[in-house]
N, C-alpha and C. Protein backbone atom coordinates (compact mmCIF):
# COMPACT_ATOMS: atom_id res chain seq x y z
N UNK A 1 -8.68 3.07 30.92
CA UNK A 1 -9.17 3.14 29.69
C UNK A 1 -10.34 4.03 30.24
N UNK A 2 -10.79 4.39 31.05
CA UNK A 2 -11.72 5.17 31.68
C UNK A 2 -11.20 6.79 31.54
N UNK A 3 -9.81 6.51 32.42
CA UNK A 3 -9.66 7.95 32.52
C UNK A 3 -8.72 8.26 31.17
N UNK A 4 -8.54 7.48 30.41
CA UNK A 4 -7.72 8.19 28.86
C UNK A 4 -9.09 8.71 28.19
N UNK A 5 -10.76 8.03 28.32
CA UNK A 5 -11.56 8.54 27.25
C UNK A 5 -11.93 9.41 28.36
N UNK A 6 -12.59 10.03 29.78
CA UNK A 6 -12.32 10.42 30.21
C UNK A 6 -12.01 12.20 30.61
N UNK A 7 -10.42 11.81 30.50
CA UNK A 7 -9.76 12.86 30.70
C UNK A 7 -9.18 13.57 29.14
N UNK A 8 -8.28 12.13 28.84
CA UNK A 8 -7.42 12.88 27.66
C UNK A 8 -8.36 13.01 26.68
N UNK A 9 -9.38 12.37 26.29
CA UNK A 9 -9.84 12.50 24.70
C UNK A 9 -11.08 13.72 24.87
N UNK A 10 -11.45 13.69 26.06
CA UNK A 10 -12.24 14.58 26.57
C UNK A 10 -11.56 16.17 26.58
N UNK A 11 -10.08 16.07 26.36
CA UNK A 11 -9.01 17.26 26.58
C UNK A 11 -9.25 18.00 24.83
N UNK A 12 -9.06 17.12 24.07
CA UNK A 12 -9.09 17.01 22.58
C UNK A 12 -10.71 17.48 21.68
N UNK A 13 -11.47 17.28 22.90
CA UNK A 13 -12.75 17.48 22.43
C UNK A 13 -13.01 19.40 22.56
N UNK A 14 -12.82 19.10 24.02
CA UNK A 14 -13.06 20.31 24.96
C UNK A 14 -11.96 21.96 23.93
N UNK A 15 -10.96 21.57 23.47
CA UNK A 15 -9.45 22.13 23.57
C UNK A 15 -10.14 22.42 21.39
N UNK A 16 -10.70 21.36 20.55
CA UNK A 16 -10.98 21.62 19.21
C UNK A 16 -12.30 22.60 19.14
N UNK A 17 -12.90 22.26 20.05
CA UNK A 17 -14.34 23.22 20.15
C UNK A 17 -13.74 24.83 20.22
N UNK A 18 -12.82 24.75 21.53
CA UNK A 18 -12.20 26.21 21.50
C UNK A 18 -11.74 27.05 20.19
N UNK A 19 -10.97 25.91 19.56
CA UNK A 19 -10.11 26.53 18.60
C UNK A 19 -10.85 26.89 17.18
N UNK A 20 -11.94 26.36 16.84
CA UNK A 20 -13.16 26.66 16.16
C UNK A 20 -14.21 27.31 16.63
N UNK A 21 -14.30 27.84 17.92
CA UNK A 21 -15.41 29.11 18.25
C UNK A 21 -15.07 29.83 16.78
N UNK A 22 -16.54 30.69 16.55
CA UNK A 22 -16.71 31.49 15.94
C UNK A 22 -15.57 31.61 14.75
N UNK A 23 -15.88 30.29 13.99
CA UNK A 23 -15.28 30.13 12.81
C UNK A 23 -16.15 29.04 11.81
N UNK A 24 -17.71 29.99 11.72
CA UNK A 24 -18.94 29.24 10.86
C UNK A 24 -18.57 28.22 10.15
N UNK A 25 -17.09 28.24 9.26
CA UNK A 25 -17.51 27.54 7.87
C UNK A 25 -16.32 25.82 8.23
N UNK A 26 -16.52 26.00 9.49
CA UNK A 26 -15.66 25.02 9.91
C UNK A 26 -16.89 23.93 10.98
N UNK A 27 -17.90 25.04 11.53
CA UNK A 27 -19.02 24.34 12.46
C UNK A 27 -19.93 23.10 12.04
N UNK A 28 -20.30 23.40 10.57
CA UNK A 28 -21.11 22.11 10.53
C UNK A 28 -20.55 21.25 9.79
N UNK A 29 -19.24 20.80 10.20
CA UNK A 29 -18.29 19.54 9.76
C UNK A 29 -18.47 18.44 10.29
N UNK A 30 -18.73 17.18 9.87
CA UNK A 30 -18.26 16.25 10.62
C UNK A 30 -16.74 16.14 11.11
N UNK A 31 -16.27 15.10 12.44
CA UNK A 31 -15.20 15.35 12.59
C UNK A 31 -13.99 14.58 11.47
N UNK A 32 -14.67 13.91 11.17
CA UNK A 32 -14.04 13.03 9.38
C UNK A 32 -13.53 13.87 8.88
N UNK A 33 -14.61 15.27 8.32
CA UNK A 33 -14.63 16.12 7.75
C UNK A 33 -13.07 17.63 7.91
N UNK A 34 -13.22 17.55 9.36
CA UNK A 34 -12.14 18.35 9.81
C UNK A 34 -10.99 17.89 9.78
N UNK A 35 -10.67 16.74 10.20
CA UNK A 35 -9.52 16.16 9.91
C UNK A 35 -8.86 16.48 8.48
N UNK A 36 -9.73 15.77 7.97
CA UNK A 36 -9.25 15.93 5.83
C UNK A 36 -9.01 17.32 5.98
N UNK A 37 -9.34 18.18 6.21
CA UNK A 37 -9.73 19.71 5.93
C UNK A 37 -8.28 20.71 6.91
N UNK A 38 -7.16 19.78 7.25
CA UNK A 38 -6.54 20.03 8.66
C UNK A 38 -5.32 21.23 8.11
N UNK A 39 -4.73 20.60 6.55
CA UNK A 39 -4.67 22.10 6.26
C UNK A 39 -5.29 23.62 5.40
N UNK A 40 -5.97 22.94 5.52
CA UNK A 40 -6.61 24.44 5.28
C UNK A 40 -7.43 25.28 6.61
N UNK A 41 -7.09 24.92 7.71
CA UNK A 41 -7.83 25.78 8.81
C UNK A 41 -6.61 26.99 8.87
N UNK A 42 -7.28 27.93 8.95
CA UNK A 42 -6.37 29.44 9.34
C UNK A 42 -5.06 28.90 10.03
N UNK A 43 -3.82 29.73 9.66
CA UNK A 43 -2.10 29.33 9.95
C UNK A 43 -2.53 29.56 11.56
N UNK A 44 -3.60 30.54 12.07
CA UNK A 44 -3.02 30.88 13.42
C UNK A 44 -3.78 29.65 14.57
N UNK A 45 -4.66 28.79 13.97
CA UNK A 45 -5.22 27.21 14.47
C UNK A 45 -4.48 26.66 13.82
N UNK A 46 -4.03 26.29 13.17
CA UNK A 46 -3.92 25.06 12.12
C UNK A 46 -3.39 24.00 12.97
N UNK A 47 -2.20 24.53 14.09
CA UNK A 47 -1.90 23.49 14.81
C UNK A 47 -2.91 22.93 15.53
N UNK A 48 -3.73 23.48 16.57
CA UNK A 48 -4.46 23.27 17.63
C UNK A 48 -5.76 22.45 16.91
N UNK A 49 -5.99 23.12 15.77
CA UNK A 49 -7.06 22.08 15.12
C UNK A 49 -6.21 20.61 14.30
N UNK A 50 -5.26 20.80 14.09
CA UNK A 50 -4.32 19.54 13.51
C UNK A 50 -4.88 18.31 14.97
N UNK A 51 -3.80 19.40 16.02
CA UNK A 51 -3.16 17.91 16.98
C UNK A 51 -4.50 17.55 17.75
N UNK A 52 -5.66 18.79 17.79
CA UNK A 52 -6.88 18.20 18.82
C UNK A 52 -7.97 17.68 18.20
N UNK A 53 -8.45 18.09 16.43
CA UNK A 53 -9.48 16.67 15.58
C UNK A 53 -8.87 15.70 15.50
N UNK A 54 -7.42 15.26 15.26
CA UNK A 54 -6.63 14.09 15.58
C UNK A 54 -6.89 13.36 16.87
N UNK A 55 -7.07 14.00 17.35
CA UNK A 55 -7.36 13.71 19.09
C UNK A 55 -8.34 12.47 19.30
N UNK A 56 -9.14 13.86 18.67
CA UNK A 56 -11.06 13.44 18.42
C UNK A 56 -10.81 12.41 17.97
N UNK A 57 -10.80 12.67 16.39
CA UNK A 57 -11.45 11.50 15.61
C UNK A 57 -10.34 9.89 16.03
N UNK A 58 -8.89 10.54 16.31
CA UNK A 58 -8.26 8.71 16.60
C UNK A 58 -9.07 8.13 17.73
N UNK A 59 -8.86 8.87 18.77
CA UNK A 59 -9.35 8.30 19.94
C UNK A 59 -11.05 7.73 19.54
N UNK A 60 -12.18 8.35 18.70
CA UNK A 60 -13.50 7.63 18.12
C UNK A 60 -13.00 6.55 17.43
N UNK A 61 -12.43 6.67 16.28
CA UNK A 61 -11.88 5.54 15.92
C UNK A 61 -11.60 4.34 16.77
N UNK A 62 -10.28 4.38 17.59
CA UNK A 62 -9.59 3.49 18.14
C UNK A 62 -11.15 2.99 19.50
N UNK A 63 -12.10 3.78 19.71
CA UNK A 63 -12.78 2.83 20.57
C UNK A 63 -13.41 2.05 19.77
N UNK A 64 -13.87 2.70 18.76
CA UNK A 64 -15.02 1.49 17.87
C UNK A 64 -14.02 0.61 17.64
N UNK A 65 -13.23 0.08 17.63
CA UNK A 65 -12.46 -1.10 16.63
C UNK A 65 -12.03 -2.06 18.36
N UNK A 66 -12.62 -2.27 19.45
CA UNK A 66 -12.23 -2.53 20.60
C UNK A 66 -13.73 -3.16 21.04
N UNK A 67 -13.71 -4.29 21.69
CA UNK A 67 -14.79 -4.84 22.55
C UNK A 67 -14.27 -6.15 23.04
N UNK A 68 -14.92 -6.50 24.64
CA UNK A 68 -14.69 -7.24 25.44
C UNK A 68 -16.00 -8.57 25.37
N UNK A 69 -15.33 -9.64 24.67
CA UNK A 69 -13.98 -9.88 24.37
C UNK A 69 -14.20 -9.92 23.24
N UNK A 70 -12.71 -10.11 22.88
CA UNK A 70 -12.51 -9.57 21.05
C UNK A 70 -12.93 -10.62 20.23
N UNK A 71 -12.74 -10.08 19.03
CA UNK A 71 -13.55 -11.40 18.10
C UNK A 71 -11.92 -12.09 17.03
N UNK A 72 -12.44 -12.58 16.11
CA UNK A 72 -11.13 -13.62 15.54
C UNK A 72 -11.10 -12.79 13.89
N UNK A 73 -10.45 -12.69 13.14
CA UNK A 73 -10.59 -11.86 11.89
C UNK A 73 -10.98 -13.05 10.99
N UNK A 74 -11.78 -12.83 10.14
CA UNK A 74 -12.41 -13.60 9.17
C UNK A 74 -12.86 -13.25 7.74
N UNK A 75 -13.30 -14.53 7.19
CA UNK A 75 -13.99 -13.55 5.26
C UNK A 75 -12.77 -13.00 5.09
N UNK A 76 -13.04 -12.06 4.09
CA UNK A 76 -12.46 -11.34 3.31
C UNK A 76 -10.96 -10.40 4.00
N UNK A 77 -11.17 -10.28 5.27
CA UNK A 77 -10.10 -9.77 5.82
C UNK A 77 -9.15 -10.32 6.21
N UNK A 78 -9.58 -11.67 6.41
CA UNK A 78 -8.47 -12.78 6.65
C UNK A 78 -7.63 -13.25 5.64
N UNK A 79 -8.16 -13.18 4.43
CA UNK A 79 -7.68 -13.21 3.55
C UNK A 79 -6.76 -11.93 2.71
N UNK A 80 -6.88 -11.05 2.74
CA UNK A 80 -6.30 -9.80 2.67
C UNK A 80 -5.02 -9.83 3.99
N UNK A 81 -5.49 -10.15 4.85
CA UNK A 81 -4.19 -10.58 6.18
C UNK A 81 -3.07 -11.47 5.79
N UNK A 82 -4.09 -12.35 5.51
CA UNK A 82 -2.75 -13.55 4.38
C UNK A 82 -1.56 -12.93 3.83
N UNK A 83 -2.65 -12.62 2.51
CA UNK A 83 -2.06 -12.09 1.29
C UNK A 83 -1.05 -11.10 1.28
N UNK A 84 -1.21 -10.15 2.84
CA UNK A 84 -0.13 -8.94 2.88
C UNK A 84 0.67 -9.52 3.78
N UNK A 85 0.86 -10.19 5.08
CA UNK A 85 1.30 -10.84 6.02
C UNK A 85 2.05 -12.08 6.05
N UNK A 86 1.29 -12.82 5.51
CA UNK A 86 1.06 -14.59 5.43
C UNK A 86 0.15 -15.31 6.38
N UNK A 87 0.01 -14.47 7.22
CA UNK A 87 -1.04 -15.33 8.51
C UNK A 87 -1.03 -13.61 8.95
N UNK A 88 -2.36 -14.52 10.08
CA UNK A 88 -2.47 -13.77 11.00
C UNK A 88 -1.49 -13.20 12.41
N UNK A 89 -0.40 -14.56 12.71
CA UNK A 89 0.40 -13.97 13.68
C UNK A 89 1.45 -13.07 12.76
N UNK A 90 1.88 -13.40 11.60
CA UNK A 90 2.60 -12.47 10.89
C UNK A 90 2.45 -10.94 11.08
N UNK A 91 0.96 -10.73 10.68
CA UNK A 91 0.33 -9.39 10.93
C UNK A 91 0.82 -8.93 12.21
N UNK A 92 0.30 -9.69 13.60
CA UNK A 92 0.18 -9.33 14.63
C UNK A 92 2.05 -8.98 14.61
N UNK A 93 3.13 -9.53 14.55
CA UNK A 93 4.15 -9.72 14.72
C UNK A 93 4.63 -7.83 14.15
N UNK A 94 4.19 -7.80 12.45
CA UNK A 94 4.45 -6.76 12.11
C UNK A 94 4.00 -5.36 12.23
N UNK A 95 2.76 -5.64 12.97
CA UNK A 95 2.19 -4.64 13.52
C UNK A 95 2.61 -4.06 14.38
N UNK A 96 2.38 -4.86 15.78
CA UNK A 96 3.33 -4.85 16.83
C UNK A 96 5.10 -4.01 16.83
N UNK A 97 5.50 -4.62 15.77
CA UNK A 97 7.02 -3.97 15.46
C UNK A 97 6.96 -2.56 14.93
N UNK A 98 6.05 -2.26 14.50
CA UNK A 98 5.47 -1.16 13.58
C UNK A 98 5.01 0.03 15.03
N UNK A 99 4.05 -0.93 15.70
CA UNK A 99 3.81 0.22 17.06
C UNK A 99 4.46 0.34 18.15
N UNK A 100 5.52 -0.46 18.56
CA UNK A 100 6.56 -0.27 19.01
C UNK A 100 7.85 0.45 18.45
N UNK A 101 8.00 0.45 17.42
CA UNK A 101 9.11 1.34 16.68
C UNK A 101 8.44 2.83 16.26
N UNK A 102 7.68 2.95 16.69
CA UNK A 102 7.24 4.01 17.04
C UNK A 102 7.53 4.98 17.58
N UNK A 103 8.96 6.17 17.04
CA UNK A 103 9.31 7.01 18.64
C UNK A 103 8.79 7.94 18.96
N UNK A 104 8.58 7.87 20.89
CA UNK A 104 7.70 8.89 21.04
C UNK A 104 6.10 8.69 21.24
N UNK A 105 5.21 9.45 20.76
CA UNK A 105 3.71 9.21 20.88
C UNK A 105 3.28 9.62 19.43
N UNK A 106 2.19 8.41 19.22
CA UNK A 106 1.49 8.66 17.84
C UNK A 106 0.78 7.32 17.78
N UNK A 107 0.58 6.41 16.76
CA UNK A 107 0.02 5.56 16.29
C UNK A 107 0.24 4.60 15.51
N UNK A 108 -0.71 3.54 15.72
CA UNK A 108 -0.46 2.35 14.30
C UNK A 108 -1.31 2.13 13.59
N UNK A 109 -1.35 1.83 12.39
CA UNK A 109 -2.53 1.80 11.14
C UNK A 109 -2.55 0.50 11.21
N UNK A 110 -3.67 0.06 10.41
CA UNK A 110 -3.64 -0.63 9.22
C UNK A 110 -4.62 0.11 8.35
N UNK A 111 -3.85 0.15 6.92
CA UNK A 111 -4.90 0.78 5.61
C UNK A 111 -4.65 0.19 4.26
N UNK A 112 -5.53 0.16 3.84
CA UNK A 112 -5.74 -0.31 2.54
C UNK A 112 -4.43 -0.18 1.90
N UNK A 113 -4.30 -1.85 1.01
CA UNK A 113 -2.63 -1.34 0.68
C UNK A 113 -2.86 -0.20 -0.53
N UNK A 114 -1.61 0.49 -1.06
CA UNK A 114 -1.18 1.00 -2.09
C UNK A 114 -1.83 0.09 -3.10
N UNK A 115 -2.87 0.80 -4.09
CA UNK A 115 -3.69 0.05 -5.42
C UNK A 115 -2.03 -0.32 -6.39
N UNK A 116 -2.46 -1.38 -7.08
CA UNK A 116 -1.47 -2.30 -7.97
C UNK A 116 -0.19 -2.74 -7.15
N UNK A 117 -0.06 -3.05 -6.03
CA UNK A 117 1.47 -3.09 -5.60
C UNK A 117 1.23 -4.66 -4.67
N UNK A 118 -0.13 -5.68 -4.94
CA UNK A 118 -0.03 -6.89 -4.55
C UNK A 118 -0.09 -7.03 -3.49
N UNK A 119 -0.48 -6.09 -2.29
CA UNK A 119 -0.79 -6.27 -0.85
C UNK A 119 -2.02 -5.24 -0.58
N UNK A 120 -3.36 -6.13 -0.03
CA UNK A 120 -4.33 -5.10 0.00
C UNK A 120 -4.13 -4.86 1.19
N UNK A 121 -3.27 -5.39 2.48
CA UNK A 121 -3.13 -4.24 3.63
C UNK A 121 -1.72 -3.88 3.64
N UNK A 122 -2.00 -2.45 4.47
CA UNK A 122 -0.44 -2.21 4.90
C UNK A 122 -0.33 -1.69 5.87
N UNK A 123 0.97 -1.53 6.73
CA UNK A 123 0.94 -1.01 8.54
C UNK A 123 1.78 0.48 7.69
N UNK A 124 0.78 1.21 8.36
CA UNK A 124 1.85 3.06 8.78
C UNK A 124 1.73 3.20 10.24
N UNK A 125 2.63 4.36 10.36
CA UNK A 125 2.28 4.69 11.49
C UNK A 125 2.62 6.36 11.33
N UNK A 126 2.14 6.73 12.73
CA UNK A 126 1.73 8.63 12.36
C UNK A 126 2.32 9.09 13.78
N UNK A 127 2.77 10.20 13.80
CA UNK A 127 3.44 10.65 15.12
C UNK A 127 2.21 11.78 15.66
N UNK A 128 2.48 12.04 17.11
CA UNK A 128 0.99 12.58 17.43
C UNK A 128 -0.47 12.27 17.83
N UNK A 129 -0.91 13.34 17.08
CA UNK A 129 -2.56 12.59 17.10
C UNK A 129 -2.73 12.43 15.22
N UNK A 130 -1.75 12.80 14.49
CA UNK A 130 -1.80 12.51 13.26
C UNK A 130 -2.56 11.25 13.09
N UNK A 131 -2.95 11.26 11.61
CA UNK A 131 -3.45 10.27 10.88
C UNK A 131 -3.04 9.72 9.34
N UNK A 132 -3.42 8.99 8.99
CA UNK A 132 -3.53 9.29 7.27
C UNK A 132 -4.32 10.11 6.72
N UNK A 133 -5.00 9.85 7.05
CA UNK A 133 -6.54 10.88 6.48
C UNK A 133 -5.69 12.51 6.08
N UNK A 134 -5.11 12.66 7.20
CA UNK A 134 -4.88 14.43 6.83
C UNK A 134 -3.79 14.59 5.87
N UNK A 135 -3.28 13.45 5.68
CA UNK A 135 -2.04 13.96 4.61
C UNK A 135 -2.56 13.18 3.14
N UNK A 136 -4.54 13.03 3.10
CA UNK A 136 -4.66 12.71 2.06
C UNK A 136 -4.90 11.46 1.46
N UNK A 137 -4.04 10.12 2.88
CA UNK A 137 -3.88 8.70 2.56
C UNK A 137 -5.59 7.98 2.84
N UNK A 138 -5.38 7.24 2.57
CA UNK A 138 -6.62 6.31 3.11
C UNK A 138 -7.04 5.80 4.28
N UNK A 139 -8.55 5.84 4.24
CA UNK A 139 -9.17 5.57 5.83
C UNK A 139 -8.83 4.37 6.54
N UNK A 140 -7.98 4.35 7.57
CA UNK A 140 -7.42 3.20 8.38
C UNK A 140 -8.66 2.19 8.51
N UNK A 141 -8.37 0.89 8.85
CA UNK A 141 -9.56 0.24 8.73
C UNK A 141 -9.25 -0.57 10.81
N UNK A 142 -7.98 -0.10 10.77
CA UNK A 142 -7.67 -0.54 12.50
C UNK A 142 -6.87 0.47 13.41
N UNK A 143 -6.55 0.23 14.12
CA UNK A 143 -5.71 1.98 14.91
C UNK A 143 -5.44 1.33 16.00
N UNK A 144 -4.51 1.71 16.17
CA UNK A 144 -3.89 1.37 18.22
C UNK A 144 -3.35 2.75 18.34
N UNK A 145 -3.86 3.48 20.01
CA UNK A 145 -2.61 4.34 20.55
C UNK A 145 -1.64 3.89 20.97
N UNK A 146 -0.24 4.45 20.50
CA UNK A 146 0.75 3.97 21.04
C UNK A 146 1.35 5.62 21.87
N UNK A 147 0.48 6.16 22.36
CA UNK A 147 0.77 7.55 23.25
C UNK A 147 1.22 6.83 24.98
N UNK A 148 2.01 7.31 25.70
CA UNK A 148 2.40 6.48 26.75
C UNK A 148 0.83 7.00 28.04
N UNK A 149 -0.15 7.76 27.44
CA UNK A 149 -1.17 7.71 28.06
C UNK A 149 -2.52 6.99 27.69
N UNK A 150 -1.98 5.74 26.89
CA UNK A 150 -2.43 4.52 26.89
C UNK A 150 -2.47 3.85 27.76
N UNK A 151 -1.13 3.53 27.75
CA UNK A 151 -0.64 2.38 28.84
C UNK A 151 -0.03 2.51 29.85
N UNK A 152 0.30 3.91 30.28
CA UNK A 152 1.42 4.04 30.74
C UNK A 152 0.70 3.34 32.77
N UNK A 153 -0.46 3.88 32.88
CA UNK A 153 -0.81 3.31 34.60
C UNK A 153 -0.85 1.58 34.78
N UNK A 154 -0.87 0.81 33.34
CA UNK A 154 -0.88 -0.05 34.02
C UNK A 154 0.33 -1.35 33.38
N UNK A 155 0.41 -0.83 32.34
CA UNK A 155 2.12 -1.17 31.73
C UNK A 155 3.42 -0.63 31.93
N UNK A 156 3.12 0.81 32.31
CA UNK A 156 4.18 1.47 32.95
C UNK A 156 4.94 1.95 31.54
N UNK A 157 6.19 1.14 31.04
CA UNK A 157 6.69 1.48 29.61
C UNK A 157 6.68 0.67 29.35
N UNK A 158 6.35 -0.62 29.64
CA UNK A 158 5.96 -2.18 28.19
C UNK A 158 4.99 -2.10 26.95
N UNK A 159 5.44 -0.96 26.42
CA UNK A 159 4.19 -0.75 24.99
C UNK A 159 4.19 -2.39 24.67
N UNK A 160 5.47 -3.33 24.64
CA UNK A 160 4.72 -4.08 23.26
C UNK A 160 3.51 -4.97 24.62
N UNK A 161 3.51 -5.25 25.99
CA UNK A 161 2.68 -5.59 26.85
C UNK A 161 1.49 -5.26 26.89
N UNK A 162 1.21 -3.94 26.56
CA UNK A 162 0.03 -3.05 26.16
C UNK A 162 -0.77 -3.71 24.87
N UNK A 163 0.45 -3.57 24.17
CA UNK A 163 -0.46 -4.41 22.55
C UNK A 163 -0.37 -5.79 22.58
N UNK A 164 0.07 -6.25 23.30
CA UNK A 164 -0.48 -8.06 23.12
C UNK A 164 -1.98 -7.98 24.08
N UNK A 165 -1.74 -7.62 25.28
CA UNK A 165 -3.18 -6.99 25.63
C UNK A 165 -4.36 -6.73 24.60
N UNK A 166 -4.00 -5.41 24.39
CA UNK A 166 -4.99 -4.56 23.23
C UNK A 166 -5.66 -5.56 22.08
N UNK A 167 -4.86 -6.46 21.39
CA UNK A 167 -5.02 -7.76 20.58
C UNK A 167 -6.45 -8.57 21.00
N UNK A 168 -6.26 -8.59 22.46
CA UNK A 168 -7.61 -9.63 23.02
C UNK A 168 -8.91 -8.89 22.85
N UNK A 169 -9.08 -7.84 22.70
CA UNK A 169 -10.16 -6.79 22.81
C UNK A 169 -10.32 -5.94 21.37
N UNK A 170 -9.89 -6.43 20.43
CA UNK A 170 -9.52 -6.16 18.94
C UNK A 170 -10.94 -6.36 18.63
N UNK A 171 -12.11 -5.68 17.83
CA UNK A 171 -13.70 -6.01 17.67
C UNK A 171 -13.08 -6.53 16.05
N UNK A 172 -12.21 -8.22 15.35
CA UNK A 172 -12.25 -7.95 13.92
C UNK A 172 -13.40 -7.94 13.37
N UNK A 173 -14.89 -8.17 13.66
CA UNK A 173 -15.89 -7.96 12.96
C UNK A 173 -16.06 -6.02 12.69
N UNK A 174 -15.79 -5.45 13.58
CA UNK A 174 -15.42 -3.98 13.24
C UNK A 174 -14.55 -3.72 12.21
N UNK A 175 -13.69 -3.83 12.65
CA UNK A 175 -12.34 -3.93 11.61
C UNK A 175 -12.64 -4.37 10.18
N UNK A 176 -13.45 -5.47 9.67
CA UNK A 176 -14.05 -6.10 8.53
C UNK A 176 -14.99 -5.23 7.98
N UNK A 177 -15.66 -4.65 8.87
CA UNK A 177 -16.65 -3.78 8.36
C UNK A 177 -15.84 -2.56 7.74
N UNK A 178 -15.15 -2.01 8.31
CA UNK A 178 -14.13 -0.94 8.22
C UNK A 178 -13.21 -1.13 6.34
N UNK A 179 -12.81 -2.57 6.84
CA UNK A 179 -12.48 -3.01 5.13
C UNK A 179 -13.21 -3.09 4.30
N UNK A 180 -14.13 -3.41 4.68
CA UNK A 180 -15.55 -3.55 3.49
C UNK A 180 -15.28 -2.10 2.61
N UNK A 181 -15.72 -1.11 3.61
CA UNK A 181 -16.10 0.34 3.37
C UNK A 181 -14.51 1.24 2.18
N UNK A 182 -13.55 0.01 2.03
CA UNK A 182 -12.68 0.79 1.69
C UNK A 182 -12.78 1.47 0.41
């Protein structure tokens, strides 16, 4: 994870700063505001802003939902997991299926479920460094990086093994705080 943080994420930070240099309208925005406004970026830099702002925000978020040792879901979040997936094991099975099913590089996200659909939580995936915020969707409550750079050094091509290990460091208290903000 040190290489992941110091090399991969730092490259996104550096490249985003480069893309936004000399663009005063974008300078004072938070990274979340930049992500939400990706579609408004000037055409000449839109792809660079999308890819790199996503890389920065997604990784910041990824680090924020992990801690060693991990914790367990409880309270309102656990009830939402049960209502949406039957139980914690059902959630993990569905999440791993979505994350391993994401073709190529991307992310898997746990997000608030659509209003009126009866399920408080849903699982979505995104390609590359995209995230639900870029499309006007909900703010994720949990997210995992399924780019090969996240796991290849330790797990080679075994994405499911990486996800199994990742669940041992999920900070469910942080996830619950994200869920409470919905």
